[in-house]
Structure formats: structure tokens, C-alpha cells
Amino acid sequence: MPASNTFCEALTIYKIYVETEKVEGKTYTTKNMAPIASNYADKGYVSKEEVEEILAAVIAKLSQK
């Protein structure tokens, strides 16, 4: 399980940039989509720290009985 600060790229948030080039008198425009750099905590994914916290709470509850 990855840590919360592990690098990931957003699957739904991206930056669009446009490239324009001229070839033999014709202008071609290309739209590119690049994912935004992020980490697991920013995206709300379950991280190693959260799982450890949940397991510690479960073990503590089980050991009380």
C-alpha cells in the first residue's frame, strides 16, 4: 500500500495545451491533454497511514474484549 505522499497523476484533472505548426503553407493545430501531478492524499485515495490507523483501532477494540 503506498504512502499518502506518493506521486500520482490525476486521471480526471488535466491541463490542455495547444500546439500550432505550419507545414507547406497549411496550419495544423493539435490539442494535448497532460495529467496534473498530485499525490495519493490530494486525490483522496486510501493510503498506508490510514490503513495502519484503521487496523490499530480494530486490534485495540478486539483486545478490549
N, C-alpha and C. Protein backbone atom coordinates (compact mmCIF):
# COMPACT_ATOMS: atom_id res chain seq x y z
N MET A 1 0.85 -1.17 0.00
CA MET A 1 0.00 0.00 0.00
C MET A 1 0.90 1.24 0.00
N PRO A 2 0.68 2.17 -0.91
CA PRO A 2 1.52 3.36 -0.98
C PRO A 2 1.25 4.37 0.13
N ALA A 3 2.27 5.13 0.46
CA ALA A 3 2.14 6.21 1.45
C ALA A 3 1.33 7.36 0.86
N SER A 4 0.82 8.23 1.72
CA SER A 4 -0.05 9.32 1.26
C SER A 4 0.67 10.35 0.40
N ASN A 5 1.98 10.46 0.54
CA ASN A 5 2.73 11.44 -0.26
C ASN A 5 3.31 10.85 -1.54
N THR A 6 2.88 9.65 -1.92
CA THR A 6 3.35 9.00 -3.15
C THR A 6 2.83 9.75 -4.37
N PHE A 7 3.70 9.99 -5.34
CA PHE A 7 3.35 10.71 -6.56
C PHE A 7 2.33 9.91 -7.38
N CYS A 8 1.37 10.60 -7.94
CA CYS A 8 0.45 10.02 -8.92
C CYS A 8 -0.01 11.13 -9.85
N GLU A 9 -0.57 10.71 -10.98
CA GLU A 9 -1.11 11.69 -11.92
C GLU A 9 -2.63 11.60 -11.88
N ALA A 10 -3.28 12.73 -11.89
CA ALA A 10 -4.73 12.77 -11.84
C ALA A 10 -5.31 12.17 -13.11
N LEU A 11 -6.34 11.34 -12.95
CA LEU A 11 -6.98 10.74 -14.11
C LEU A 11 -8.11 11.60 -14.66
N THR A 12 -8.64 12.47 -13.84
CA THR A 12 -9.78 13.28 -14.27
C THR A 12 -9.48 14.77 -14.37
N ILE A 13 -8.34 15.19 -13.84
CA ILE A 13 -7.96 16.60 -13.90
C ILE A 13 -6.72 16.72 -14.77
N TYR A 14 -6.79 17.56 -15.77
CA TYR A 14 -5.68 17.67 -16.71
C TYR A 14 -5.57 19.09 -17.23
N LYS A 15 -4.42 19.36 -17.81
CA LYS A 15 -4.17 20.66 -18.42
C LYS A 15 -4.19 20.47 -19.94
N ILE A 16 -4.89 21.37 -20.62
CA ILE A 16 -4.93 21.31 -22.08
C ILE A 16 -4.00 22.39 -22.62
N TYR A 17 -3.13 21.98 -23.53
CA TYR A 17 -2.29 22.96 -24.20
C TYR A 17 -2.36 22.74 -25.70
N VAL A 18 -2.25 23.82 -26.43
CA VAL A 18 -2.43 23.79 -27.88
C VAL A 18 -1.09 24.03 -28.57
N GLU A 19 -0.81 23.19 -29.55
CA GLU A 19 0.40 23.36 -30.38
C GLU A 19 -0.05 23.71 -31.79
N THR A 20 0.59 24.67 -32.38
CA THR A 20 0.28 25.06 -33.75
C THR A 20 1.56 24.97 -34.57
N GLU A 21 1.45 24.36 -35.74
CA GLU A 21 2.63 24.29 -36.62
C GLU A 21 2.20 24.48 -38.06
N LYS A 22 3.10 25.04 -38.83
CA LYS A 22 2.83 25.26 -40.25
C LYS A 22 3.66 24.28 -41.06
N VAL A 23 2.99 23.60 -41.97
CA VAL A 23 3.65 22.65 -42.86
C VAL A 23 3.18 22.95 -44.28
N GLU A 24 4.12 23.31 -45.11
CA GLU A 24 3.86 23.62 -46.52
C GLU A 24 2.69 24.60 -46.69
N GLY A 25 2.69 25.66 -45.89
CA GLY A 25 1.69 26.70 -46.01
C GLY A 25 0.37 26.42 -45.30
N LYS A 26 0.21 25.23 -44.76
CA LYS A 26 -1.02 24.90 -44.03
C LYS A 26 -0.73 24.93 -42.54
N THR A 27 -1.71 25.41 -41.77
CA THR A 27 -1.56 25.48 -40.32
C THR A 27 -2.30 24.32 -39.67
N TYR A 28 -1.59 23.58 -38.83
CA TYR A 28 -2.17 22.46 -38.10
C TYR A 28 -2.18 22.78 -36.62
N THR A 29 -3.31 22.51 -35.99
CA THR A 29 -3.45 22.77 -34.56
C THR A 29 -3.71 21.43 -33.86
N THR A 30 -2.97 21.19 -32.80
CA THR A 30 -3.12 19.97 -32.02
C THR A 30 -3.41 20.33 -30.58
N LYS A 31 -4.46 19.75 -30.03
CA LYS A 31 -4.77 19.94 -28.61
C LYS A 31 -4.24 18.74 -27.85
N ASN A 32 -3.46 19.01 -26.82
CA ASN A 32 -2.89 17.95 -26.00
C ASN A 32 -3.42 18.06 -24.58
N MET A 33 -3.63 16.91 -23.96
CA MET A 33 -4.07 16.86 -22.57
C MET A 33 -2.96 16.22 -21.74
N ALA A 34 -2.53 16.90 -20.70
CA ALA A 34 -1.48 16.38 -19.82
C ALA A 34 -2.04 16.27 -18.41
N PRO A 35 -1.92 15.08 -17.79
CA PRO A 35 -2.42 14.94 -16.42
C PRO A 35 -1.63 15.81 -15.46
N ILE A 36 -2.29 16.25 -14.40
CA ILE A 36 -1.68 17.11 -13.40
C ILE A 36 -1.02 16.24 -12.33
N ALA A 37 0.20 16.59 -11.95
CA ALA A 37 0.91 15.86 -10.91
C ALA A 37 0.25 16.08 -9.56
N SER A 38 0.15 15.01 -8.79
CA SER A 38 -0.51 15.08 -7.50
C SER A 38 0.08 14.00 -6.59
N ASN A 39 -0.61 13.72 -5.48
CA ASN A 39 -0.23 12.60 -4.63
C ASN A 39 -1.50 11.91 -4.12
N TYR A 40 -1.33 10.77 -3.50
CA TYR A 40 -2.49 9.97 -3.07
C TYR A 40 -3.39 10.72 -2.09
N ALA A 41 -2.82 11.48 -1.18
CA ALA A 41 -3.61 12.20 -0.18
C ALA A 41 -4.49 13.25 -0.86
N ASP A 42 -3.95 13.99 -1.83
CA ASP A 42 -4.72 15.02 -2.53
C ASP A 42 -5.90 14.43 -3.30
N LYS A 43 -5.73 13.25 -3.83
CA LYS A 43 -6.77 12.60 -4.63
C LYS A 43 -7.79 11.85 -3.78
N GLY A 44 -7.50 11.69 -2.50
CA GLY A 44 -8.45 11.01 -1.62
C GLY A 44 -8.36 9.50 -1.64
N TYR A 45 -7.28 8.96 -2.21
CA TYR A 45 -7.10 7.51 -2.22
C TYR A 45 -6.72 7.02 -0.82
N VAL A 46 -7.04 5.78 -0.52
CA VAL A 46 -6.66 5.20 0.76
C VAL A 46 -5.15 5.03 0.78
N SER A 47 -4.53 5.45 1.88
CA SER A 47 -3.07 5.39 1.97
C SER A 47 -2.64 4.42 3.06
N LYS A 48 -1.37 4.15 3.09
CA LYS A 48 -0.77 3.25 4.07
C LYS A 48 -1.06 3.71 5.49
N GLU A 49 -0.92 5.01 5.73
CA GLU A 49 -1.14 5.56 7.07
C GLU A 49 -2.58 5.35 7.54
N GLU A 50 -3.53 5.54 6.64
CA GLU A 50 -4.93 5.35 7.00
C GLU A 50 -5.24 3.89 7.32
N VAL A 51 -4.69 2.98 6.53
CA VAL A 51 -4.91 1.56 6.77
C VAL A 51 -4.29 1.14 8.10
N GLU A 52 -3.09 1.63 8.39
CA GLU A 52 -2.45 1.32 9.67
C GLU A 52 -3.29 1.82 10.84
N GLU A 53 -3.86 3.02 10.70
CA GLU A 53 -4.69 3.60 11.75
C GLU A 53 -5.96 2.77 11.96
N ILE A 54 -6.58 2.34 10.88
CA ILE A 54 -7.80 1.52 10.97
C ILE A 54 -7.49 0.18 11.63
N LEU A 55 -6.41 -0.47 11.19
CA LEU A 55 -6.03 -1.76 11.77
C LEU A 55 -5.71 -1.63 13.25
N ALA A 56 -5.03 -0.57 13.65
CA ALA A 56 -4.70 -0.34 15.06
C ALA A 56 -5.98 -0.18 15.88
N ALA A 57 -6.96 0.53 15.34
CA ALA A 57 -8.23 0.72 16.04
C ALA A 57 -8.98 -0.60 16.18
N VAL A 58 -8.99 -1.41 15.13
CA VAL A 58 -9.67 -2.71 15.18
C VAL A 58 -9.00 -3.62 16.19
N ILE A 59 -7.68 -3.67 16.16
CA ILE A 59 -6.94 -4.52 17.12
C ILE A 59 -7.18 -4.06 18.55
N ALA A 60 -7.21 -2.74 18.77
CA ALA A 60 -7.47 -2.21 20.10
C ALA A 60 -8.86 -2.61 20.60
N LYS A 61 -9.87 -2.55 19.71
CA LYS A 61 -11.23 -2.94 20.09
C LYS A 61 -11.30 -4.43 20.40
N LEU A 62 -10.63 -5.24 19.59
CA LEU A 62 -10.65 -6.68 19.80
C LEU A 62 -9.93 -7.08 21.09
N SER A 63 -8.88 -6.38 21.43
CA SER A 63 -8.11 -6.73 22.63
C SER A 63 -8.82 -6.29 23.91
N GLN A 64 -9.82 -5.40 23.83
CA GLN A 64 -10.56 -4.95 25.00
C GLN A 64 -11.54 -6.03 25.48
N LYS A 65 -11.98 -6.88 24.61
CA LYS A 65 -13.00 -7.87 24.99
C LYS A 65 -12.43 -9.16 25.45
